[in-house]
Amino acid sequence: METDINKDILAEMGHANFNQWIPIGRVAQTDEMLGPALFLASDAASYVTGTTLYADGGYLQNLVRYRLEL
């Protein structure tokens, strides 16, 4: 997701270049974080413990693949 923290880097890299690192093909919109946040705050997640929910469009998986190719 583009934020004040990373907007300069995204502009320098170019959004199209950065989007290639995300399997879903685009940077998240802020409202796309609502679903995961609401899930974790709801009773639906009452049995969820000790885990991390990655809402990153597959970015982490892409980094794992890149690392394996090195």
C-alpha atoms as a PDB file:
ATOM      1  CA  MET A   1       0.000   0.000   0.000  1.00  0.00           C
ATOM      2  CA  GLU A   2       1.355   3.398  -0.863  1.00  0.00           C
ATOM      3  CA  THR A   3       1.914   5.500   2.247  1.00  0.00           C
ATOM      4  CA  ASP A   4       3.829   8.617   3.193  1.00  0.00           C
ATOM      5  CA  ILE A   5       6.676   6.315   4.276  1.00  0.00           C
ATOM      6  CA  ASN A   6       7.190   4.621   0.907  1.00  0.00           C
ATOM      7  CA  LYS A   7       5.735   7.049  -1.645  1.00  0.00           C
ATOM      8  CA  ASP A   8       9.130   8.524  -2.568  1.00  0.00           C
ATOM      9  CA  ILE A   9      10.620   5.078  -3.207  1.00  0.00           C
ATOM     10  CA  LEU A  10       7.590   4.049  -5.270  1.00  0.00           C
ATOM     11  CA  ALA A  11       7.879   7.223  -7.328  1.00  0.00           C
ATOM     12  CA  GLU A  12      11.613   6.642  -7.845  1.00  0.00           C
ATOM     13  CA  MET A  13      11.116   2.991  -8.874  1.00  0.00           C
ATOM     14  CA  GLY A  14       7.990   3.749 -10.828  1.00  0.00           C
ATOM     15  CA  HIS A  15       4.669   2.171  -9.936  1.00  0.00           C
ATOM     16  CA  ALA A  16       4.735  -0.131 -12.962  1.00  0.00           C
ATOM     17  CA  ASN A  17       8.143  -1.511 -11.946  1.00  0.00           C
ATOM     18  CA  PHE A  18       7.088  -2.012  -8.337  1.00  0.00           C
ATOM     19  CA  ASN A  19       3.830  -3.668  -9.379  1.00  0.00           C
ATOM     20  CA  GLN A  20       5.902  -6.390 -11.061  1.00  0.00           C
ATOM     21  CA  TRP A  21       7.015  -7.476  -7.573  1.00  0.00           C
ATOM     22  CA  ILE A  22       3.403  -8.025  -6.498  1.00  0.00           C
ATOM     23  CA  PRO A  23       1.798 -11.165  -7.955  1.00  0.00           C
ATOM     24  CA  ILE A  24      -1.646  -9.567  -7.863  1.00  0.00           C
ATOM     25  CA  GLY A  25      -0.140  -6.829 -10.067  1.00  0.00           C
ATOM     26  CA  ARG A  26      -0.893  -3.669  -8.129  1.00  0.00           C
ATOM     27  CA  VAL A  27      -0.355  -1.819  -4.871  1.00  0.00           C
ATOM     28  CA  ALA A  28      -3.197  -2.177  -2.364  1.00  0.00           C
ATOM     29  CA  GLN A  29      -5.766   0.498  -1.764  1.00  0.00           C
ATOM     30  CA  THR A  30      -6.218   1.515   1.876  1.00  0.00           C
ATOM     31  CA  ASP A  31      -9.804   0.241   1.982  1.00  0.00           C
ATOM     32  CA  GLU A  32      -8.544  -3.251   1.115  1.00  0.00           C
ATOM     33  CA  MET A  33      -7.100  -3.508   4.617  1.00  0.00           C
ATOM     34  CA  LEU A  34     -10.555  -3.160   6.178  1.00  0.00           C
ATOM     35  CA  GLY A  35     -11.573  -6.775   5.552  1.00  0.00           C
ATOM     36  CA  PRO A  36      -8.554  -8.350   7.260  1.00  0.00           C
ATOM     37  CA  ALA A  37      -8.775  -5.870  10.156  1.00  0.00           C
ATOM     38  CA  LEU A  38     -12.494  -6.473  10.649  1.00  0.00           C
ATOM     39  CA  PHE A  39     -11.983 -10.227  10.500  1.00  0.00           C
ATOM     40  CA  LEU A  40      -9.274 -10.155  13.167  1.00  0.00           C
ATOM     41  CA  ALA A  41     -11.376  -7.865  15.374  1.00  0.00           C
ATOM     42  CA  SER A  42     -14.496 -10.004  14.999  1.00  0.00           C
ATOM     43  CA  ASP A  43     -15.780 -13.158  16.671  1.00  0.00           C
ATOM     44  CA  ALA A  44     -14.976 -14.974  13.407  1.00  0.00           C
ATOM     45  CA  ALA A  45     -11.323 -14.877  14.481  1.00  0.00           C
ATOM     46  CA  SER A  46     -12.001 -16.045  18.044  1.00  0.00           C
ATOM     47  CA  TYR A  47      -9.871 -19.178  17.558  1.00  0.00           C
ATOM     48  CA  VAL A  48      -7.060 -17.476  15.616  1.00  0.00           C
ATOM     49  CA  THR A  49      -3.897 -17.220  17.698  1.00  0.00           C
ATOM     50  CA  GLY A  50      -0.165 -17.047  17.117  1.00  0.00           C
ATOM     51  CA  THR A  51      -0.266 -16.352  13.403  1.00  0.00           C
ATOM     52  CA  THR A  52       0.363 -13.526  10.997  1.00  0.00           C
ATOM     53  CA  LEU A  53      -2.163 -12.588   8.351  1.00  0.00           C
ATOM     54  CA  TYR A  54      -0.362 -11.194   5.318  1.00  0.00           C
ATOM     55  CA  ALA A  55      -2.572  -8.914   3.231  1.00  0.00           C
ATOM     56  CA  ASP A  56       0.115  -8.140   0.679  1.00  0.00           C
ATOM     57  CA  GLY A  57      -1.174  -9.314  -2.698  1.00  0.00           C
ATOM     58  CA  GLY A  58       1.371 -12.145  -2.686  1.00  0.00           C
ATOM     59  CA  TYR A  59       4.390  -9.848  -2.255  1.00  0.00           C
ATOM     60  CA  LEU A  60       5.981 -12.061   0.400  1.00  0.00           C
ATOM     61  CA  GLN A  61       5.677 -15.137  -1.816  1.00  0.00           C
ATOM     62  CA  ASN A  62       7.402 -13.269  -4.622  1.00  0.00           C
ATOM     63  CA  LEU A  63      10.318 -12.413  -2.333  1.00  0.00           C
ATOM     64  CA  VAL A  64      10.665 -16.088  -1.359  1.00  0.00           C
ATOM     65  CA  ARG A  65      10.749 -17.087  -5.033  1.00  0.00           C
ATOM     66  CA  TYR A  66      13.308 -14.359  -5.789  1.00  0.00           C
ATOM     67  CA  ARG A  67      15.510 -15.535  -2.909  1.00  0.00           C
ATOM     68  CA  LEU A  68      15.396 -19.146  -4.157  1.00  0.00           C
ATOM     69  CA  GLU A  69      16.568 -18.020  -7.600  1.00  0.00           C
ATOM     70  CA  LEU A  70      19.702 -16.382  -6.186  1.00  0.00           C
END
